[in-house]
Amino acid sequence: MKKLPIGSAKVHVEMDYYLSGSVLAGTVTSGVTEVRSDFEVTTDAPDEEILNVIRMAKRGCFAERLVDTAVPVKSTLKLNGQDATDRLKED
């Protein structure tokens, strides 16, 4: 861990998302079109040292990697105690 003097550090995260269709009609869909993160840091440390720490933090951030990289989702379902995972698949 680097010991750098940080006066303050803030991050603001926003995302643009959509939800459309109908659950009742079976047409519901959702998604995210963009995620934005804005950092603000005040410090007496050299810029390059702080930039390197922020780069490493972003590379080690599970949330950023999940959004930035296609990740397969594997779901299982037990319905009344029985495996019903195959029944989740859409035709």
PDB file of N, CA and C in Angstrom:
ATOM      1  N   MET A   1       0.833  -1.173   0.000  1.00  0.00           N
ATOM      2  CA  MET A   1       0.000   0.000   0.000  1.00  0.00           C
ATOM      3  C   MET A   1       0.882   1.241   0.000  1.00  0.00           C
ATOM      4  N   LYS A   2       0.548   2.172  -0.832  1.00  0.00           N
ATOM      5  CA  LYS A   2       1.306   3.427  -0.857  1.00  0.00           C
ATOM      6  C   LYS A   2       0.740   4.375   0.189  1.00  0.00           C
ATOM      7  N   LYS A   3       1.631   5.091   0.824  1.00  0.00           N
ATOM      8  CA  LYS A   3       1.207   6.096   1.791  1.00  0.00           C
ATOM      9  C   LYS A   3       1.392   7.459   1.142  1.00  0.00           C
ATOM     10  N   LEU A   4       0.279   7.992   0.626  1.00  0.00           N
ATOM     11  CA  LEU A   4       0.313   9.284  -0.035  1.00  0.00           C
ATOM     12  C   LEU A   4      -0.619  10.244   0.699  1.00  0.00           C
ATOM     13  N   PRO A   5      -0.232  11.516   0.779  1.00  0.00           N
ATOM     14  CA  PRO A   5      -1.102  12.486   1.459  1.00  0.00           C
ATOM     15  C   PRO A   5      -2.300  12.860   0.584  1.00  0.00           C
ATOM     16  N   ILE A   6      -3.497  12.528   1.049  1.00  0.00           N
ATOM     17  CA  ILE A   6      -4.727  12.859   0.333  1.00  0.00           C
ATOM     18  C   ILE A   6      -5.502  13.850   1.193  1.00  0.00           C
ATOM     19  N   GLY A   7      -5.733  15.040   0.666  1.00  0.00           N
ATOM     20  CA  GLY A   7      -6.536  16.025   1.380  1.00  0.00           C
ATOM     21  C   GLY A   7      -8.002  15.643   1.354  1.00  0.00           C
ATOM     22  N   SER A   8      -8.487  15.313   0.164  1.00  0.00           N
ATOM     23  CA  SER A   8      -9.856  14.827   0.010  1.00  0.00           C
ATOM     24  C   SER A   8      -9.947  14.033  -1.283  1.00  0.00           C
ATOM     25  N   ALA A   9     -10.902  13.136  -1.308  1.00  0.00           N
ATOM     26  CA  ALA A   9     -11.148  12.331  -2.508  1.00  0.00           C
ATOM     27  C   ALA A   9     -12.643  12.074  -2.607  1.00  0.00           C
ATOM     28  N   LYS A  10     -13.192  12.336  -3.784  1.00  0.00           N
ATOM     29  CA  LYS A  10     -14.620  12.123  -4.025  1.00  0.00           C
ATOM     30  C   LYS A  10     -14.779  11.424  -5.362  1.00  0.00           C
ATOM     31  N   VAL A  11     -15.803  10.607  -5.457  1.00  0.00           N
ATOM     32  CA  VAL A  11     -16.172  10.020  -6.736  1.00  0.00           C
ATOM     33  C   VAL A  11     -17.686  10.106  -6.858  1.00  0.00           C
ATOM     34  N   HIS A  12     -18.139  10.443  -8.035  1.00  0.00           N
ATOM     35  CA  HIS A  12     -19.574  10.511  -8.331  1.00  0.00           C
ATOM     36  C   HIS A  12     -19.827   9.573  -9.507  1.00  0.00           C
ATOM     37  N   VAL A  13     -20.767   8.663  -9.348  1.00  0.00           N
ATOM     38  CA  VAL A  13     -21.058   7.677 -10.386  1.00  0.00           C
ATOM     39  C   VAL A  13     -22.498   7.851 -10.851  1.00  0.00           C
ATOM     40  N   GLU A  14     -22.685   7.882 -12.162  1.00  0.00           N
ATOM     41  CA  GLU A  14     -24.009   7.958 -12.770  1.00  0.00           C
ATOM     42  C   GLU A  14     -24.127   6.890 -13.833  1.00  0.00           C
ATOM     43  N   MET A  15     -25.368   6.500 -14.130  1.00  0.00           N
ATOM     44  CA  MET A  15     -25.576   5.583 -15.245  1.00  0.00           C
ATOM     45  C   MET A  15     -26.874   5.922 -15.948  1.00  0.00           C
ATOM     46  N   ASP A  16     -26.893   5.653 -17.225  1.00  0.00           N
ATOM     47  CA  ASP A  16     -28.099   5.800 -18.029  1.00  0.00           C
ATOM     48  C   ASP A  16     -28.662   4.401 -18.238  1.00  0.00           C
ATOM     49  N   TYR A  17     -29.896   4.213 -17.813  1.00  0.00           N
ATOM     50  CA  TYR A  17     -30.512   2.896 -17.922  1.00  0.00           C
ATOM     51  C   TYR A  17     -31.908   3.034 -18.518  1.00  0.00           C
ATOM     52  N   TYR A  18     -32.438   1.920 -18.956  1.00  0.00           N
ATOM     53  CA  TYR A  18     -33.791   1.913 -19.489  1.00  0.00           C
ATOM     54  C   TYR A  18     -34.522   0.656 -19.033  1.00  0.00           C
ATOM     55  N   LEU A  19     -35.804   0.776 -18.949  1.00  0.00           N
ATOM     56  CA  LEU A  19     -36.702  -0.325 -18.636  1.00  0.00           C
ATOM     57  C   LEU A  19     -37.915  -0.125 -19.521  1.00  0.00           C
ATOM     58  N   SER A  20     -38.218  -1.107 -20.346  1.00  0.00           N
ATOM     59  CA  SER A  20     -39.346  -0.958 -21.248  1.00  0.00           C
ATOM     60  C   SER A  20     -40.125  -2.261 -21.340  1.00  0.00           C
ATOM     61  N   GLY A  21     -41.268  -2.162 -21.954  1.00  0.00           N
ATOM     62  CA  GLY A  21     -42.118  -3.335 -22.113  1.00  0.00           C
ATOM     63  C   GLY A  21     -42.989  -3.553 -20.898  1.00  0.00           C
ATOM     64  N   SER A  22     -43.526  -4.758 -20.828  1.00  0.00           N
ATOM     65  CA  SER A  22     -44.498  -5.079 -19.786  1.00  0.00           C
ATOM     66  C   SER A  22     -44.234  -6.469 -19.222  1.00  0.00           C
ATOM     67  N   VAL A  23     -44.235  -6.558 -17.894  1.00  0.00           N
ATOM     68  CA  VAL A  23     -44.136  -7.867 -17.258  1.00  0.00           C
ATOM     69  C   VAL A  23     -45.375  -8.683 -17.593  1.00  0.00           C
ATOM     70  N   LEU A  24     -46.548  -8.040 -17.536  1.00  0.00           N
ATOM     71  CA  LEU A  24     -47.803  -8.747 -17.809  1.00  0.00           C
ATOM     72  C   LEU A  24     -47.845  -9.293 -19.238  1.00  0.00           C
ATOM     73  N   ALA A  25     -47.330  -8.522 -20.194  1.00  0.00           N
ATOM     74  CA  ALA A  25     -47.332  -8.968 -21.592  1.00  0.00           C
ATOM     75  C   ALA A  25     -46.132  -9.856 -21.919  1.00  0.00           C
ATOM     76  N   GLY A  26     -45.193  -9.982 -20.979  1.00  0.00           N
ATOM     77  CA  GLY A  26     -44.001 -10.802 -21.222  1.00  0.00           C
ATOM     78  C   GLY A  26     -42.991 -10.153 -22.139  1.00  0.00           C
ATOM     79  N   THR A  27     -43.009  -8.819 -22.210  1.00  0.00           N
ATOM     80  CA  THR A  27     -42.112  -8.105 -23.128  1.00  0.00           C
ATOM     81  C   THR A  27     -41.108  -7.218 -22.409  1.00  0.00           C
ATOM     82  N   VAL A  28     -40.981  -7.365 -21.090  1.00  0.00           N
ATOM     83  CA  VAL A  28     -40.094  -6.487 -20.330  1.00  0.00           C
ATOM     84  C   VAL A  28     -38.635  -6.689 -20.741  1.00  0.00           C
ATOM     85  N   THR A  29     -37.914  -5.584 -20.825  1.00  0.00           N
ATOM     86  CA  THR A  29     -36.486  -5.608 -21.113  1.00  0.00           C
ATOM     87  C   THR A  29     -35.832  -4.424 -20.410  1.00  0.00           C
ATOM     88  N   SER A  30     -34.567  -4.579 -20.097  1.00  0.00           N
ATOM     89  CA  SER A  30     -33.849  -3.493 -19.427  1.00  0.00           C
ATOM     90  C   SER A  30     -32.402  -3.504 -19.865  1.00  0.00           C
ATOM     91  N   GLY A  31     -31.722  -2.414 -19.594  1.00  0.00           N
ATOM     92  CA  GLY A  31     -30.312  -2.349 -19.922  1.00  0.00           C
ATOM     93  C   GLY A  31     -29.698  -1.052 -19.448  1.00  0.00           C
ATOM     94  N   VAL A  32     -28.406  -0.959 -19.610  1.00  0.00           N
ATOM     95  CA  VAL A  32     -27.644   0.232 -19.261  1.00  0.00           C
ATOM     96  C   VAL A  32     -26.880   0.644 -20.510  1.00  0.00           C
ATOM     97  N   THR A  33     -26.961   1.933 -20.844  1.00  0.00           N
ATOM     98  CA  THR A  33     -26.289   2.407 -22.056  1.00  0.00           C
ATOM     99  C   THR A  33     -24.952   3.082 -21.770  1.00  0.00           C
ATOM    100  N   GLU A  34     -24.768   3.594 -20.535  1.00  0.00           N
ATOM    101  CA  GLU A  34     -23.494   4.219 -20.203  1.00  0.00           C
ATOM    102  C   GLU A  34     -23.375   4.361 -18.694  1.00  0.00           C
ATOM    103  N   VAL A  35     -22.150   4.214 -18.204  1.00  0.00           N
ATOM    104  CA  VAL A  35     -21.825   4.475 -16.802  1.00  0.00           C
ATOM    105  C   VAL A  35     -20.693   5.490 -16.806  1.00  0.00           C
ATOM    106  N   ARG A  36     -20.839   6.529 -15.967  1.00  0.00           N
ATOM    107  CA  ARG A  36     -19.823   7.578 -15.881  1.00  0.00           C
ATOM    108  C   ARG A  36     -19.347   7.698 -14.443  1.00  0.00           C
ATOM    109  N   SER A  37     -18.041   7.838 -14.260  1.00  0.00           N
ATOM    110  CA  SER A  37     -17.495   8.093 -12.929  1.00  0.00           C
ATOM    111  C   SER A  37     -16.613   9.332 -12.998  1.00  0.00           C
ATOM    112  N   ASP A  38     -16.846  10.249 -12.077  1.00  0.00           N
ATOM    113  CA  ASP A  38     -16.085  11.493 -12.013  1.00  0.00           C
ATOM    114  C   ASP A  38     -15.324  11.520 -10.694  1.00  0.00           C
ATOM    115  N   PHE A  39     -14.015  11.643 -10.770  1.00  0.00           N
ATOM    116  CA  PHE A  39     -13.147  11.676  -9.587  1.00  0.00           C
ATOM    117  C   PHE A  39     -12.707  13.107  -9.318  1.00  0.00           C
ATOM    118  N   GLU A  40     -12.568  13.443  -8.031  1.00  0.00           N
ATOM    119  CA  GLU A  40     -11.997  14.721  -7.632  1.00  0.00           C
ATOM    120  C   GLU A  40     -11.071  14.456  -6.444  1.00  0.00           C
ATOM    121  N   VAL A  41      -9.794  14.792  -6.612  1.00  0.00           N
ATOM    122  CA  VAL A  41      -8.795  14.523  -5.580  1.00  0.00           C
ATOM    123  C   VAL A  41      -8.000  15.792  -5.334  1.00  0.00           C
ATOM    124  N   THR A  42      -7.775  16.098  -4.058  1.00  0.00           N
ATOM    125  CA  THR A  42      -6.843  17.169  -3.694  1.00  0.00           C
ATOM    126  C   THR A  42      -5.723  16.550  -2.871  1.00  0.00           C
ATOM    127  N   THR A  43      -4.492  16.904  -3.249  1.00  0.00           N
ATOM    128  CA  THR A  43      -3.334  16.283  -2.625  1.00  0.00           C
ATOM    129  C   THR A  43      -2.087  17.133  -2.863  1.00  0.00           C
ATOM    130  N   ASP A  44      -1.120  16.932  -2.008  1.00  0.00           N
ATOM    131  CA  ASP A  44       0.195  17.546  -2.207  1.00  0.00           C
ATOM    132  C   ASP A  44       1.154  16.573  -2.894  1.00  0.00           C
ATOM    133  N   ALA A  45       0.716  15.336  -3.091  1.00  0.00           N
ATOM    134  CA  ALA A  45       1.569  14.319  -3.729  1.00  0.00           C
ATOM    135  C   ALA A  45       1.739  14.641  -5.215  1.00  0.00           C
ATOM    136  N   PRO A  46       2.801  14.142  -5.813  1.00  0.00           N
ATOM    137  CA  PRO A  46       3.002  14.352  -7.250  1.00  0.00           C
ATOM    138  C   PRO A  46       1.842  13.760  -8.068  1.00  0.00           C
ATOM    139  N   ASP A  47       1.432  14.485  -9.107  1.00  0.00           N
ATOM    140  CA  ASP A  47       0.310  14.057  -9.947  1.00  0.00           C
ATOM    141  C   ASP A  47       0.471  12.615 -10.428  1.00  0.00           C
ATOM    142  N   GLU A  48       1.647  12.259 -10.924  1.00  0.00           N
ATOM    143  CA  GLU A  48       1.840  10.920 -11.500  1.00  0.00           C
ATOM    144  C   GLU A  48       1.628   9.822 -10.459  1.00  0.00           C
ATOM    145  N   GLU A  49       2.002  10.070  -9.215  1.00  0.00           N
ATOM    146  CA  GLU A  49       1.795   9.052  -8.173  1.00  0.00           C
ATOM    147  C   GLU A  49       0.309   8.849  -7.909  1.00  0.00           C
ATOM    148  N   ILE A  50      -0.441   9.944  -7.839  1.00  0.00           N
ATOM    149  CA  ILE A  50      -1.888   9.852  -7.608  1.00  0.00           C
ATOM    150  C   ILE A  50      -2.575   9.229  -8.813  1.00  0.00           C
ATOM    151  N   LEU A  51      -2.172   9.640 -10.007  1.00  0.00           N
ATOM    152  CA  LEU A  51      -2.762   9.048 -11.216  1.00  0.00           C
ATOM    153  C   LEU A  51      -2.529   7.547 -11.261  1.00  0.00           C
ATOM    154  N   ASN A  52      -1.348   7.100 -10.857  1.00  0.00           N
ATOM    155  CA  ASN A  52      -1.051   5.672 -10.847  1.00  0.00           C
ATOM    156  C   ASN A  52      -1.942   4.936  -9.840  1.00  0.00           C
ATOM    157  N   VAL A  53      -2.148   5.520  -8.653  1.00  0.00           N
ATOM    158  CA  VAL A  53      -3.019   4.903  -7.648  1.00  0.00           C
ATOM    159  C   VAL A  53      -4.448   4.791  -8.182  1.00  0.00           C
ATOM    160  N   ILE A  54      -4.930   5.840  -8.837  1.00  0.00           N
ATOM    161  CA  ILE A  54      -6.288   5.815  -9.384  1.00  0.00           C
ATOM    162  C   ILE A  54      -6.384   4.784 -10.505  1.00  0.00           C
ATOM    163  N   ARG A  55      -5.381   4.704 -11.365  1.00  0.00           N
ATOM    164  CA  ARG A  55      -5.378   3.680 -12.421  1.00  0.00           C
ATOM    165  C   ARG A  55      -5.458   2.276 -11.825  1.00  0.00           C
ATOM    166  N   MET A  56      -4.664   2.028 -10.793  1.00  0.00           N
ATOM    167  CA  MET A  56      -4.663   0.703 -10.161  1.00  0.00           C
ATOM    168  C   MET A  56      -6.005   0.421  -9.480  1.00  0.00           C
ATOM    169  N   ALA A  57      -6.587   1.439  -8.847  1.00  0.00           N
ATOM    170  CA  ALA A  57      -7.900   1.262  -8.208  1.00  0.00           C
ATOM    171  C   ALA A  57      -8.958   0.912  -9.247  1.00  0.00           C
ATOM    172  N   LYS A  58      -8.935   1.595 -10.394  1.00  0.00           N
ATOM    173  CA  LYS A  58      -9.897   1.304 -11.452  1.00  0.00           C
ATOM    174  C   LYS A  58      -9.685  -0.096 -12.014  1.00  0.00           C
ATOM    175  N   ARG A  59      -8.427  -0.510 -12.176  1.00  0.00           N
ATOM    176  CA  ARG A  59      -8.146  -1.854 -12.687  1.00  0.00           C
ATOM    177  C   ARG A  59      -8.564  -2.935 -11.700  1.00  0.00           C
ATOM    178  N   GLY A  60      -8.537  -2.623 -10.408  1.00  0.00           N
ATOM    179  CA  GLY A  60      -8.909  -3.587  -9.386  1.00  0.00           C
ATOM    180  C   GLY A  60     -10.372  -3.503  -8.964  1.00  0.00           C
ATOM    181  N   CYS A  61     -11.151  -2.667  -9.639  1.00  0.00           N
ATOM    182  CA  CYS A  61     -12.555  -2.465  -9.269  1.00  0.00           C
ATOM    183  C   CYS A  61     -13.439  -3.511  -9.949  1.00  0.00           C
ATOM    184  N   PHE A  62     -14.079  -4.346  -9.143  1.00  0.00           N
ATOM    185  CA  PHE A  62     -14.952  -5.387  -9.697  1.00  0.00           C
ATOM    186  C   PHE A  62     -16.120  -4.783 -10.466  1.00  0.00           C
ATOM    187  N   ALA A  63     -16.692  -3.694  -9.975  1.00  0.00           N
ATOM    188  CA  ALA A  63     -17.833  -3.073 -10.646  1.00  0.00           C
ATOM    189  C   ALA A  63     -17.443  -2.563 -12.030  1.00  0.00           C
ATOM    190  N   GLU A  64     -16.289  -1.906 -12.130  1.00  0.00           N
ATOM    191  CA  GLU A  64     -15.860  -1.411 -13.443  1.00  0.00           C
ATOM    192  C   GLU A  64     -15.590  -2.565 -14.405  1.00  0.00           C
ATOM    193  N   ARG A  65     -14.965  -3.623 -13.913  1.00  0.00           N
ATOM    194  CA  ARG A  65     -14.686  -4.767 -14.788  1.00  0.00           C
ATOM    195  C   ARG A  65     -15.980  -5.436 -15.251  1.00  0.00           C
ATOM    196  N   LEU A  66     -16.961  -5.528 -14.346  1.00  0.00           N
ATOM    197  CA  LEU A  66     -18.237  -6.147 -14.698  1.00  0.00           C
ATOM    198  C   LEU A  66     -18.932  -5.372 -15.809  1.00  0.00           C
ATOM    199  N   VAL A  67     -18.891  -4.048 -15.716  1.00  0.00           N
ATOM    200  CA  VAL A  67     -19.534  -3.208 -16.718  1.00  0.00           C
ATOM    201  C   VAL A  67     -18.715  -3.162 -18.004  1.00  0.00           C
ATOM    202  N   ASP A  68     -17.405  -3.135 -17.882  1.00  0.00           N
ATOM    203  CA  ASP A  68     -16.510  -2.964 -19.018  1.00  0.00           C
ATOM    204  C   ASP A  68     -16.303  -4.244 -19.830  1.00  0.00           C
ATOM    205  N   THR A  69     -16.525  -5.386 -19.219  1.00  0.00           N
ATOM    206  CA  THR A  69     -16.229  -6.674 -19.845  1.00  0.00           C
ATOM    207  C   THR A  69     -17.485  -7.532 -19.864  1.00  0.00           C
ATOM    208  N   ALA A  70     -17.744  -8.187 -20.971  1.00  0.00           N
ATOM    209  CA  ALA A  70     -18.884  -9.098 -21.037  1.00  0.00           C
ATOM    210  C   ALA A  70     -18.642 -10.265 -20.080  1.00  0.00           C
ATOM    211  N   VAL A  71     -19.570 -10.465 -19.169  1.00  0.00           N
ATOM    212  CA  VAL A  71     -19.447 -11.513 -18.166  1.00  0.00           C
ATOM    213  C   VAL A  71     -20.669 -12.424 -18.279  1.00  0.00           C
ATOM    214  N   PRO A  72     -20.456 -13.725 -18.441  1.00  0.00           N
ATOM    215  CA  PRO A  72     -21.622 -14.607 -18.515  1.00  0.00           C
ATOM    216  C   PRO A  72     -22.339 -14.672 -17.164  1.00  0.00           C
ATOM    217  N   VAL A  73     -23.646 -14.725 -17.217  1.00  0.00           N
ATOM    218  CA  VAL A  73     -24.464 -14.868 -16.015  1.00  0.00           C
ATOM    219  C   VAL A  73     -25.029 -16.278 -16.017  1.00  0.00           C
ATOM    220  N   LYS A  74     -24.796 -17.000 -14.940  1.00  0.00           N
ATOM    221  CA  LYS A  74     -25.305 -18.362 -14.807  1.00  0.00           C
ATOM    222  C   LYS A  74     -26.329 -18.376 -13.683  1.00  0.00           C
ATOM    223  N   SER A  75     -27.558 -18.695 -14.011  1.00  0.00           N
ATOM    224  CA  SER A  75     -28.640 -18.713 -13.040  1.00  0.00           C
ATOM    225  C   SER A  75     -29.143 -20.131 -12.850  1.00  0.00           C
ATOM    226  N   THR A  76     -29.513 -20.429 -11.623  1.00  0.00           N
ATOM    227  CA  THR A  76     -30.176 -21.696 -11.329  1.00  0.00           C
ATOM    228  C   THR A  76     -31.491 -21.381 -10.627  1.00  0.00           C
ATOM    229  N   LEU A  77     -32.400 -22.325 -10.662  1.00  0.00           N
ATOM    230  CA  LEU A  77     -33.696 -22.144 -10.020  1.00  0.00           C
ATOM    231  C   LEU A  77     -34.142 -23.445  -9.379  1.00  0.00           C
ATOM    232  N   LYS A  78     -34.523 -23.358  -8.119  1.00  0.00           N
ATOM    233  CA  LYS A  78     -35.220 -24.461  -7.461  1.00  0.00           C
ATOM    234  C   LYS A  78     -36.645 -23.987  -7.246  1.00  0.00           C
ATOM    235  N   LEU A  79     -37.583 -24.728  -7.776  1.00  0.00           N
ATOM    236  CA  LEU A  79     -39.000 -24.395  -7.664  1.00  0.00           C
ATOM    237  C   LEU A  79     -39.678 -25.498  -6.876  1.00  0.00           C
ATOM    238  N   ASN A  80     -40.161 -25.147  -5.711  1.00  0.00           N
ATOM    239  CA  ASN A  80     -40.764 -26.136  -4.813  1.00  0.00           C
ATOM    240  C   ASN A  80     -39.813 -27.290  -4.527  1.00  0.00           C
ATOM    241  N   GLY A  81     -38.523 -26.935  -4.335  1.00  0.00           N
ATOM    242  CA  GLY A  81     -37.538 -27.940  -3.966  1.00  0.00           C
ATOM    243  C   GLY A  81     -36.960 -28.734  -5.128  1.00  0.00           C
ATOM    244  N   GLN A  82     -37.452 -28.508  -6.329  1.00  0.00           N
ATOM    245  CA  GLN A  82     -36.981 -29.247  -7.504  1.00  0.00           C
ATOM    246  C   GLN A  82     -36.202 -28.318  -8.431  1.00  0.00           C
ATOM    247  N   ASP A  83     -35.141 -28.848  -9.047  1.00  0.00           N
ATOM    248  CA  ASP A  83     -34.358 -28.065 -10.000  1.00  0.00           C
ATOM    249  C   ASP A  83     -35.227 -27.749 -11.214  1.00  0.00           C
ATOM    250  N   ALA A  84     -35.412 -26.459 -11.471  1.00  0.00           N
ATOM    251  CA  ALA A  84     -36.216 -26.025 -12.612  1.00  0.00           C
ATOM    252  C   ALA A  84     -35.403 -25.091 -13.512  1.00  0.00           C
ATOM    253  N   THR A  85     -34.092 -25.187 -13.435  1.00  0.00           N
ATOM    254  CA  THR A  85     -33.211 -24.299 -14.202  1.00  0.00           C
ATOM    255  C   THR A  85     -33.511 -24.359 -15.693  1.00  0.00           C
ATOM    256  N   ASP A  86     -33.687 -25.547 -16.240  1.00  0.00           N
ATOM    257  CA  ASP A  86     -33.954 -25.677 -17.670  1.00  0.00           C
ATOM    258  C   ASP A  86     -35.271 -25.022 -18.062  1.00  0.00           C
ATOM    259  N   ARG A  87     -36.184 -24.899 -17.134  1.00  0.00           N
ATOM    260  CA  ARG A  87     -37.483 -24.286 -17.437  1.00  0.00           C
ATOM    261  C   ARG A  87     -37.403 -22.773 -17.549  1.00  0.00           C
ATOM    262  N   LEU A  88     -36.254 -22.182 -17.108  1.00  0.00           N
ATOM    263  CA  LEU A  88     -36.065 -20.748 -17.225  1.00  0.00           C
ATOM    264  C   LEU A  88     -35.762 -20.313 -18.662  1.00  0.00           C
ATOM    265  N   LYS A  89     -35.218 -21.217 -19.446  1.00  0.00           N
ATOM    266  CA  LYS A  89     -34.790 -20.871 -20.803  1.00  0.00           C
ATOM    267  C   LYS A  89     -35.989 -20.467 -21.644  1.00  0.00           C
ATOM    268  N   GLU A  90     -35.778 -19.402 -22.432  1.00  0.00           N
ATOM    269  CA  GLU A  90     -36.834 -18.932 -23.321  1.00  0.00           C
ATOM    270  C   GLU A  90     -36.780 -19.712 -24.621  1.00  0.00           C
ATOM    271  N   ASP A  91     -37.936 -19.857 -25.240  1.00  0.00           N
ATOM    272  CA  ASP A  91     -38.014 -20.576 -26.528  1.00  0.00           C
ATOM    273  C   ASP A  91     -37.548 -19.723 -27.668  1.00  0.00           C
TER     274      ASP A  91
END
